[in-house]
Amino acid sequence: MKIAIGSDHGGFDLKEVIRPYLIELGHEVVDFGTESHESCDYPIYGQKVGEAVSFGDCDRGIVICGTGIGISVAANKVPGIRGGVCTNEFMAAMSREHNDANILALGARVIGEGLALRIVKVFLETEFAGGRHQRRIDKIREIEKKYLK
């Protein structure tokens, strides 16, 4: 898969751990920054990753900030994005299986590196279940279309 990744300064160190792990797993990685610990605004990176996934340039995305919340909110403003903050493997599996999430949001100040890597692996390996869950995804798309007019 081609994975978009981005973080603010609070998620920079974790991004630098996840990026080589993704490559090790055989994925292509597009890094949208940030490139340092210098203070920056997470909406910039949430939007960049969201657009890469929404436009089809990347298959999935991973966004990281201190809690995962702010950058997830920003990414979810991009039409077609279904991103969730996950703090354990179960949440990562359910975000994919039930919600067909296309962006994973992580909080670098909330989880450690080992757990983050396990969450990433589950997120990338879990398939969408479809069935009754597809009906719900379709309803989410209807909501989105209503406000894009």
N, C-alpha and C. Protein backbone atom coordinates (compact mmCIF):
# COMPACT_ATOMS: atom_id res chain seq x y z
N MET A 1 0.84 -1.18 0.00
CA MET A 1 0.00 0.00 0.00
C MET A 1 0.88 1.25 0.00
N LYS A 2 0.29 2.31 -0.48
CA LYS A 2 0.95 3.61 -0.42
C LYS A 2 0.32 4.38 0.74
N ILE A 3 1.15 4.72 1.73
CA ILE A 3 0.67 5.31 2.97
C ILE A 3 1.15 6.75 3.09
N ALA A 4 0.21 7.68 3.31
CA ALA A 4 0.54 9.07 3.60
C ALA A 4 0.72 9.19 5.11
N ILE A 5 1.73 9.94 5.53
CA ILE A 5 1.96 10.14 6.95
C ILE A 5 2.28 11.60 7.20
N GLY A 6 1.80 12.11 8.32
CA GLY A 6 2.08 13.49 8.68
C GLY A 6 1.88 13.71 10.16
N SER A 7 2.62 14.68 10.69
CA SER A 7 2.51 14.99 12.11
C SER A 7 2.84 16.45 12.35
N ASP A 8 2.44 16.91 13.52
CA ASP A 8 2.93 18.21 13.99
C ASP A 8 4.18 17.94 14.83
N HIS A 9 4.68 18.97 15.49
CA HIS A 9 5.89 18.83 16.30
C HIS A 9 5.71 17.83 17.44
N GLY A 10 4.51 17.74 18.00
CA GLY A 10 4.25 16.81 19.09
C GLY A 10 4.28 15.36 18.66
N GLY A 11 4.04 15.11 17.40
CA GLY A 11 4.05 13.74 16.88
C GLY A 11 5.28 13.40 16.06
N PHE A 12 6.20 14.36 15.95
CA PHE A 12 7.37 14.18 15.08
C PHE A 12 8.18 12.93 15.43
N ASP A 13 8.53 12.75 16.70
CA ASP A 13 9.36 11.60 17.07
C ASP A 13 8.67 10.27 16.75
N LEU A 14 7.37 10.18 17.02
CA LEU A 14 6.64 8.95 16.71
C LEU A 14 6.55 8.73 15.21
N LYS A 15 6.38 9.79 14.45
CA LYS A 15 6.36 9.66 12.98
C LYS A 15 7.67 9.08 12.48
N GLU A 16 8.77 9.52 13.10
CA GLU A 16 10.09 9.06 12.68
C GLU A 16 10.33 7.59 13.05
N VAL A 17 9.54 7.04 13.96
CA VAL A 17 9.59 5.62 14.30
C VAL A 17 8.68 4.83 13.35
N ILE A 18 7.51 5.37 13.07
CA ILE A 18 6.52 4.66 12.25
C ILE A 18 6.94 4.59 10.78
N ARG A 19 7.50 5.65 10.25
CA ARG A 19 7.85 5.69 8.82
C ARG A 19 8.75 4.51 8.41
N PRO A 20 9.89 4.27 9.09
CA PRO A 20 10.72 3.13 8.68
C PRO A 20 10.04 1.78 8.92
N TYR A 21 9.17 1.72 9.92
CA TYR A 21 8.41 0.49 10.17
C TYR A 21 7.50 0.18 8.99
N LEU A 22 6.84 1.19 8.46
CA LEU A 22 5.98 1.00 7.29
C LEU A 22 6.79 0.48 6.10
N ILE A 23 7.96 1.03 5.91
CA ILE A 23 8.83 0.61 4.80
C ILE A 23 9.26 -0.84 5.03
N GLU A 24 9.59 -1.17 6.26
CA GLU A 24 9.97 -2.54 6.62
C GLU A 24 8.84 -3.53 6.31
N LEU A 25 7.60 -3.09 6.49
CA LEU A 25 6.43 -3.93 6.19
C LEU A 25 6.15 -4.01 4.69
N GLY A 26 6.90 -3.25 3.89
CA GLY A 26 6.74 -3.32 2.44
C GLY A 26 5.86 -2.26 1.83
N HIS A 27 5.52 -1.23 2.60
CA HIS A 27 4.66 -0.17 2.09
C HIS A 27 5.49 0.99 1.54
N GLU A 28 4.91 1.69 0.59
CA GLU A 28 5.50 2.94 0.10
C GLU A 28 4.98 4.05 1.02
N VAL A 29 5.85 4.97 1.41
CA VAL A 29 5.47 6.01 2.35
C VAL A 29 5.68 7.39 1.73
N VAL A 30 4.67 8.24 1.86
CA VAL A 30 4.78 9.64 1.45
C VAL A 30 4.68 10.46 2.73
N ASP A 31 5.77 11.13 3.09
CA ASP A 31 5.86 11.89 4.33
C ASP A 31 5.54 13.35 4.06
N PHE A 32 4.47 13.84 4.63
CA PHE A 32 4.04 15.22 4.44
C PHE A 32 4.55 16.17 5.52
N GLY A 33 5.45 15.67 6.38
CA GLY A 33 6.04 16.53 7.40
C GLY A 33 5.27 16.42 8.70
N THR A 34 5.68 17.14 9.63
CA THR A 34 6.70 18.15 9.77
C THR A 34 8.06 17.48 9.85
N GLU A 35 9.09 18.29 9.78
CA GLU A 35 10.44 17.74 9.74
C GLU A 35 11.28 18.07 10.97
N SER A 36 10.64 18.56 12.04
CA SER A 36 11.41 18.93 13.23
C SER A 36 10.49 19.05 14.44
N HIS A 37 11.09 19.40 15.56
CA HIS A 37 10.33 19.65 16.79
C HIS A 37 9.85 21.09 16.90
N GLU A 38 10.15 21.89 15.89
CA GLU A 38 9.74 23.29 15.91
C GLU A 38 8.22 23.39 15.90
N SER A 39 7.68 24.24 16.76
CA SER A 39 6.24 24.38 16.88
C SER A 39 5.59 24.68 15.52
N CYS A 40 4.51 23.97 15.24
CA CYS A 40 3.78 24.14 13.98
C CYS A 40 2.31 23.83 14.22
N ASP A 41 1.50 24.02 13.20
CA ASP A 41 0.05 23.87 13.33
C ASP A 41 -0.41 22.56 12.70
N TYR A 42 -0.99 21.68 13.52
CA TYR A 42 -1.41 20.36 13.06
C TYR A 42 -2.42 20.37 11.91
N PRO A 43 -3.30 21.39 11.75
CA PRO A 43 -4.24 21.33 10.63
C PRO A 43 -3.55 21.24 9.26
N ILE A 44 -2.38 21.84 9.15
CA ILE A 44 -1.64 21.79 7.87
C ILE A 44 -1.38 20.35 7.47
N TYR A 45 -0.91 19.54 8.41
CA TYR A 45 -0.51 18.17 8.11
C TYR A 45 -1.70 17.22 8.04
N GLY A 46 -2.72 17.49 8.84
CA GLY A 46 -3.95 16.71 8.73
C GLY A 46 -4.59 16.90 7.36
N GLN A 47 -4.60 18.14 6.88
CA GLN A 47 -5.17 18.41 5.57
C GLN A 47 -4.36 17.76 4.46
N LYS A 48 -3.04 17.85 4.53
CA LYS A 48 -2.19 17.26 3.48
C LYS A 48 -2.40 15.76 3.38
N VAL A 49 -2.39 15.09 4.52
CA VAL A 49 -2.60 13.63 4.50
C VAL A 49 -4.02 13.31 4.04
N GLY A 50 -5.00 14.06 4.55
CA GLY A 50 -6.39 13.84 4.15
C GLY A 50 -6.58 13.99 2.65
N GLU A 51 -6.00 15.02 2.08
CA GLU A 51 -6.13 15.23 0.63
C GLU A 51 -5.45 14.11 -0.16
N ALA A 52 -4.29 13.66 0.28
CA ALA A 52 -3.60 12.58 -0.43
C ALA A 52 -4.45 11.32 -0.48
N VAL A 53 -5.15 11.03 0.62
CA VAL A 53 -6.02 9.85 0.66
C VAL A 53 -7.30 10.11 -0.11
N SER A 54 -7.92 11.25 0.11
CA SER A 54 -9.18 11.58 -0.56
C SER A 54 -9.04 11.62 -2.08
N PHE A 55 -7.94 12.20 -2.55
CA PHE A 55 -7.71 12.31 -4.00
C PHE A 55 -7.23 11.00 -4.62
N GLY A 56 -6.95 9.99 -3.80
CA GLY A 56 -6.53 8.70 -4.32
C GLY A 56 -5.04 8.58 -4.59
N ASP A 57 -4.27 9.57 -4.17
CA ASP A 57 -2.82 9.50 -4.35
C ASP A 57 -2.20 8.49 -3.39
N CYS A 58 -2.84 8.27 -2.25
CA CYS A 58 -2.39 7.29 -1.27
C CYS A 58 -3.58 6.43 -0.86
N ASP A 59 -3.29 5.20 -0.46
CA ASP A 59 -4.34 4.26 -0.09
C ASP A 59 -4.91 4.53 1.30
N ARG A 60 -4.01 4.84 2.23
CA ARG A 60 -4.41 5.14 3.60
C ARG A 60 -3.48 6.20 4.16
N GLY A 61 -3.85 6.74 5.33
CA GLY A 61 -3.04 7.75 5.96
C GLY A 61 -2.89 7.53 7.44
N ILE A 62 -1.82 8.10 7.97
CA ILE A 62 -1.57 8.09 9.41
C ILE A 62 -1.20 9.51 9.80
N VAL A 63 -1.91 10.05 10.80
CA VAL A 63 -1.63 11.40 11.30
C VAL A 63 -1.34 11.31 12.78
N ILE A 64 -0.42 12.17 13.23
CA ILE A 64 0.03 12.09 14.62
C ILE A 64 0.21 13.49 15.18
N CYS A 65 -0.36 13.71 16.36
CA CYS A 65 -0.08 14.93 17.13
C CYS A 65 0.02 14.49 18.59
N GLY A 66 -0.01 15.42 19.51
CA GLY A 66 0.13 15.06 20.92
C GLY A 66 -0.91 14.08 21.39
N THR A 67 -2.18 14.35 21.11
CA THR A 67 -3.27 13.46 21.52
C THR A 67 -3.87 12.68 20.36
N GLY A 68 -3.65 13.12 19.15
CA GLY A 68 -4.30 12.53 17.97
C GLY A 68 -5.62 13.18 17.66
N ILE A 69 -6.16 13.94 18.59
CA ILE A 69 -7.50 14.49 18.42
C ILE A 69 -7.52 15.64 17.41
N GLY A 70 -6.71 16.65 17.62
CA GLY A 70 -6.74 17.82 16.75
C GLY A 70 -6.44 17.49 15.31
N ILE A 71 -5.42 16.70 15.08
CA ILE A 71 -5.02 16.37 13.71
C ILE A 71 -6.07 15.48 13.04
N SER A 72 -6.77 14.66 13.86
CA SER A 72 -7.87 13.85 13.33
C SER A 72 -9.04 14.73 12.91
N VAL A 73 -9.37 15.72 13.74
CA VAL A 73 -10.44 16.64 13.39
C VAL A 73 -10.12 17.33 12.07
N ALA A 74 -8.88 17.79 11.92
CA ALA A 74 -8.48 18.48 10.69
C ALA A 74 -8.58 17.55 9.48
N ALA A 75 -8.05 16.34 9.59
CA ALA A 75 -8.10 15.39 8.47
C ALA A 75 -9.53 15.06 8.09
N ASN A 76 -10.40 14.94 9.09
CA ASN A 76 -11.79 14.58 8.82
C ASN A 76 -12.59 15.69 8.16
N LYS A 77 -12.04 16.87 8.05
CA LYS A 77 -12.72 17.95 7.32
C LYS A 77 -12.59 17.77 5.81
N VAL A 78 -11.66 16.93 5.38
CA VAL A 78 -11.47 16.67 3.96
C VAL A 78 -12.53 15.67 3.51
N PRO A 79 -13.30 16.00 2.48
CA PRO A 79 -14.34 15.08 2.01
C PRO A 79 -13.77 13.69 1.69
N GLY A 80 -14.50 12.67 2.12
CA GLY A 80 -14.09 11.30 1.84
C GLY A 80 -13.22 10.68 2.91
N ILE A 81 -12.85 11.45 3.90
CA ILE A 81 -11.98 10.92 4.95
C ILE A 81 -12.82 10.40 6.11
N ARG A 82 -12.44 9.22 6.55
CA ARG A 82 -13.01 8.62 7.75
C ARG A 82 -11.82 8.23 8.63
N GLY A 83 -11.48 9.13 9.53
CA GLY A 83 -10.32 8.90 10.38
C GLY A 83 -10.74 8.77 11.82
N GLY A 84 -10.00 7.94 12.54
CA GLY A 84 -10.30 7.74 13.94
C GLY A 84 -9.04 7.72 14.79
N VAL A 85 -9.17 8.26 15.99
CA VAL A 85 -8.10 8.19 16.97
C VAL A 85 -8.17 6.80 17.61
N CYS A 86 -7.07 6.09 17.58
CA CYS A 86 -7.01 4.75 18.16
C CYS A 86 -5.93 4.68 19.22
N THR A 87 -6.29 4.15 20.38
CA THR A 87 -5.33 4.04 21.48
C THR A 87 -5.02 2.59 21.83
N ASN A 88 -5.60 1.67 21.07
CA ASN A 88 -5.27 0.25 21.27
C ASN A 88 -5.58 -0.52 19.99
N GLU A 89 -5.18 -1.78 19.96
CA GLU A 89 -5.36 -2.60 18.76
C GLU A 89 -6.83 -2.85 18.45
N PHE A 90 -7.65 -3.03 19.48
CA PHE A 90 -9.07 -3.28 19.25
C PHE A 90 -9.71 -2.11 18.51
N MET A 91 -9.41 -0.89 18.96
CA MET A 91 -9.96 0.29 18.30
C MET A 91 -9.49 0.37 16.85
N ALA A 92 -8.24 0.03 16.60
CA ALA A 92 -7.71 0.05 15.23
C ALA A 92 -8.45 -0.96 14.36
N ALA A 93 -8.67 -2.16 14.89
CA ALA A 93 -9.39 -3.19 14.13
C ALA A 93 -10.82 -2.75 13.85
N MET A 94 -11.50 -2.21 14.85
CA MET A 94 -12.90 -1.81 14.66
C MET A 94 -13.01 -0.59 13.74
N SER A 95 -12.03 0.31 13.78
CA SER A 95 -12.08 1.46 12.87
C SER A 95 -12.06 1.02 11.42
N ARG A 96 -11.34 -0.06 11.15
CA ARG A 96 -11.28 -0.59 9.79
C ARG A 96 -12.49 -1.49 9.50
N GLU A 97 -12.72 -2.45 10.38
CA GLU A 97 -13.74 -3.46 10.14
C GLU A 97 -15.15 -2.87 10.06
N HIS A 98 -15.46 -1.95 10.95
CA HIS A 98 -16.82 -1.40 11.01
C HIS A 98 -16.97 -0.06 10.30
N ASN A 99 -15.92 0.75 10.27
CA ASN A 99 -16.04 2.11 9.74
C ASN A 99 -15.27 2.35 8.45
N ASP A 100 -14.56 1.34 7.97
CA ASP A 100 -13.74 1.48 6.77
C ASP A 100 -12.86 2.73 6.86
N ALA A 101 -12.30 2.96 8.06
CA ALA A 101 -11.45 4.13 8.27
C ALA A 101 -10.30 4.11 7.28
N ASN A 102 -10.02 5.28 6.72
CA ASN A 102 -8.90 5.37 5.78
C ASN A 102 -7.75 6.19 6.34
N ILE A 103 -7.95 6.75 7.52
CA ILE A 103 -6.87 7.46 8.22
C ILE A 103 -6.87 7.04 9.69
N LEU A 104 -5.67 6.73 10.16
CA LEU A 104 -5.43 6.40 11.56
C LEU A 104 -4.81 7.62 12.23
N ALA A 105 -5.37 8.03 13.36
CA ALA A 105 -4.80 9.13 14.13
C ALA A 105 -4.24 8.58 15.43
N LEU A 106 -3.03 9.02 15.75
CA LEU A 106 -2.34 8.56 16.95
C LEU A 106 -1.94 9.74 17.82
N GLY A 107 -1.96 9.53 19.12
CA GLY A 107 -1.51 10.54 20.07
C GLY A 107 -0.16 10.16 20.64
N ALA A 108 0.87 10.87 20.24
CA ALA A 108 2.23 10.55 20.67
C ALA A 108 2.43 10.71 22.17
N ARG A 109 1.63 11.57 22.79
CA ARG A 109 1.75 11.77 24.24
C ARG A 109 0.81 10.85 25.02
N VAL A 110 0.10 9.99 24.29
CA VAL A 110 -0.88 9.11 24.90
C VAL A 110 -0.41 7.65 24.89
N ILE A 111 0.24 7.24 23.81
CA ILE A 111 0.68 5.84 23.69
C ILE A 111 2.19 5.79 23.44
N GLY A 112 2.78 4.69 23.77
CA GLY A 112 4.21 4.49 23.54
C GLY A 112 4.48 3.96 22.15
N GLU A 113 5.75 3.90 21.81
CA GLU A 113 6.16 3.47 20.47
C GLU A 113 5.75 2.04 20.15
N GLY A 114 5.95 1.12 21.10
CA GLY A 114 5.61 -0.28 20.85
C GLY A 114 4.13 -0.47 20.56
N LEU A 115 3.29 0.15 21.37
CA LEU A 115 1.85 0.07 21.15
C LEU A 115 1.47 0.73 19.83
N ALA A 116 2.08 1.86 19.54
CA ALA A 116 1.79 2.56 18.28
C ALA A 116 2.07 1.65 17.07
N LEU A 117 3.17 0.95 17.10
CA LEU A 117 3.51 0.07 15.97
C LEU A 117 2.52 -1.09 15.86
N ARG A 118 2.08 -1.61 16.98
CA ARG A 118 1.08 -2.69 16.93
C ARG A 118 -0.24 -2.16 16.39
N ILE A 119 -0.63 -0.95 16.78
CA ILE A 119 -1.87 -0.34 16.29
C ILE A 119 -1.78 -0.14 14.77
N VAL A 120 -0.65 0.38 14.31
CA VAL A 120 -0.45 0.60 12.88
C VAL A 120 -0.59 -0.71 12.11
N LYS A 121 0.04 -1.76 12.59
CA LYS A 121 -0.01 -3.07 11.91
C LYS A 121 -1.45 -3.56 11.81
N VAL A 122 -2.19 -3.50 12.91
CA VAL A 122 -3.59 -3.94 12.91
C VAL A 122 -4.41 -3.08 11.94
N PHE A 123 -4.21 -1.77 11.98
CA PHE A 123 -4.94 -0.86 11.10
C PHE A 123 -4.71 -1.22 9.63
N LEU A 124 -3.50 -1.53 9.27
CA LEU A 124 -3.17 -1.82 7.88
C LEU A 124 -3.60 -3.22 7.45
N GLU A 125 -3.67 -4.15 8.38
CA GLU A 125 -4.00 -5.54 8.02
C GLU A 125 -5.48 -5.88 8.11
N THR A 126 -6.27 -5.04 8.77
CA THR A 126 -7.69 -5.34 8.96
C THR A 126 -8.50 -4.87 7.76
N GLU A 127 -9.34 -5.76 7.26
CA GLU A 127 -10.20 -5.45 6.12
C GLU A 127 -11.55 -4.93 6.61
N PHE A 128 -12.20 -4.15 5.77
CA PHE A 128 -13.56 -3.67 6.03
C PHE A 128 -14.52 -4.85 5.91
N ALA A 129 -15.43 -5.00 6.87
CA ALA A 129 -16.35 -6.13 6.90
C ALA A 129 -17.50 -6.00 5.90
N GLY A 130 -17.83 -4.79 5.48
CA GLY A 130 -18.95 -4.61 4.56
C GLY A 130 -20.26 -4.93 5.24
N GLY A 131 -21.19 -5.53 4.49
CA GLY A 131 -22.48 -5.91 5.05
C GLY A 131 -23.23 -4.73 5.63
N ARG A 132 -23.76 -4.91 6.84
CA ARG A 132 -24.54 -3.84 7.48
C ARG A 132 -23.70 -2.59 7.70
N HIS A 133 -22.39 -2.75 7.78
CA HIS A 133 -21.51 -1.60 7.98
C HIS A 133 -21.43 -0.72 6.73
N GLN A 134 -21.57 -1.33 5.56
CA GLN A 134 -21.57 -0.55 4.32
C GLN A 134 -22.73 0.43 4.31
N ARG A 135 -23.86 -0.01 4.81
CA ARG A 135 -25.04 0.86 4.88
C ARG A 135 -24.72 2.11 5.70
N ARG A 136 -23.97 1.95 6.75
CA ARG A 136 -23.62 3.08 7.61
C ARG A 136 -22.62 4.00 6.93
N ILE A 137 -21.68 3.43 6.21
CA ILE A 137 -20.71 4.24 5.46
C ILE A 137 -21.45 5.05 4.41
N ASP A 138 -22.42 4.43 3.75
CA ASP A 138 -23.22 5.14 2.75
C ASP A 138 -23.96 6.32 3.39
N LYS A 139 -24.46 6.15 4.60
CA LYS A 139 -25.15 7.23 5.29
C LYS A 139 -24.19 8.36 5.65
N ILE A 140 -22.97 8.01 6.02
CA ILE A 140 -21.96 9.04 6.28
C ILE A 140 -21.69 9.84 5.01
N ARG A 141 -21.59 9.15 3.88
CA ARG A 141 -21.37 9.84 2.60
C ARG A 141 -22.53 10.77 2.26
N GLU A 142 -23.76 10.34 2.58
CA GLU A 142 -24.94 11.19 2.34
C GLU A 142 -24.85 12.47 3.16
N ILE A 143 -24.45 12.36 4.41
CA ILE A 143 -24.29 13.55 5.25
C ILE A 143 -23.27 14.49 4.63
N GLU A 144 -22.14 13.92 4.23
CA GLU A 144 -21.06 14.71 3.63
C GLU A 144 -21.55 15.44 2.37
N LYS A 145 -22.26 14.74 1.51
CA LYS A 145 -22.76 15.34 0.27
C LYS A 145 -23.72 16.49 0.54
N LYS A 146 -24.53 16.34 1.57
CA LYS A 146 -25.49 17.39 1.93
C LYS A 146 -24.78 18.72 2.19
N TYR A 147 -23.63 18.68 2.82
CA TYR A 147 -22.94 19.89 3.20
C TYR A 147 -21.91 20.35 2.17
N LEU A 148 -21.70 19.57 1.14
CA LEU A 148 -20.76 19.96 0.08
C LEU A 148 -21.45 20.76 -1.03
N LYS A 149 -22.76 20.83 -0.98
CA LYS A 149 -23.51 21.54 -2.04
C LYS A 149 -23.28 23.03 -1.99
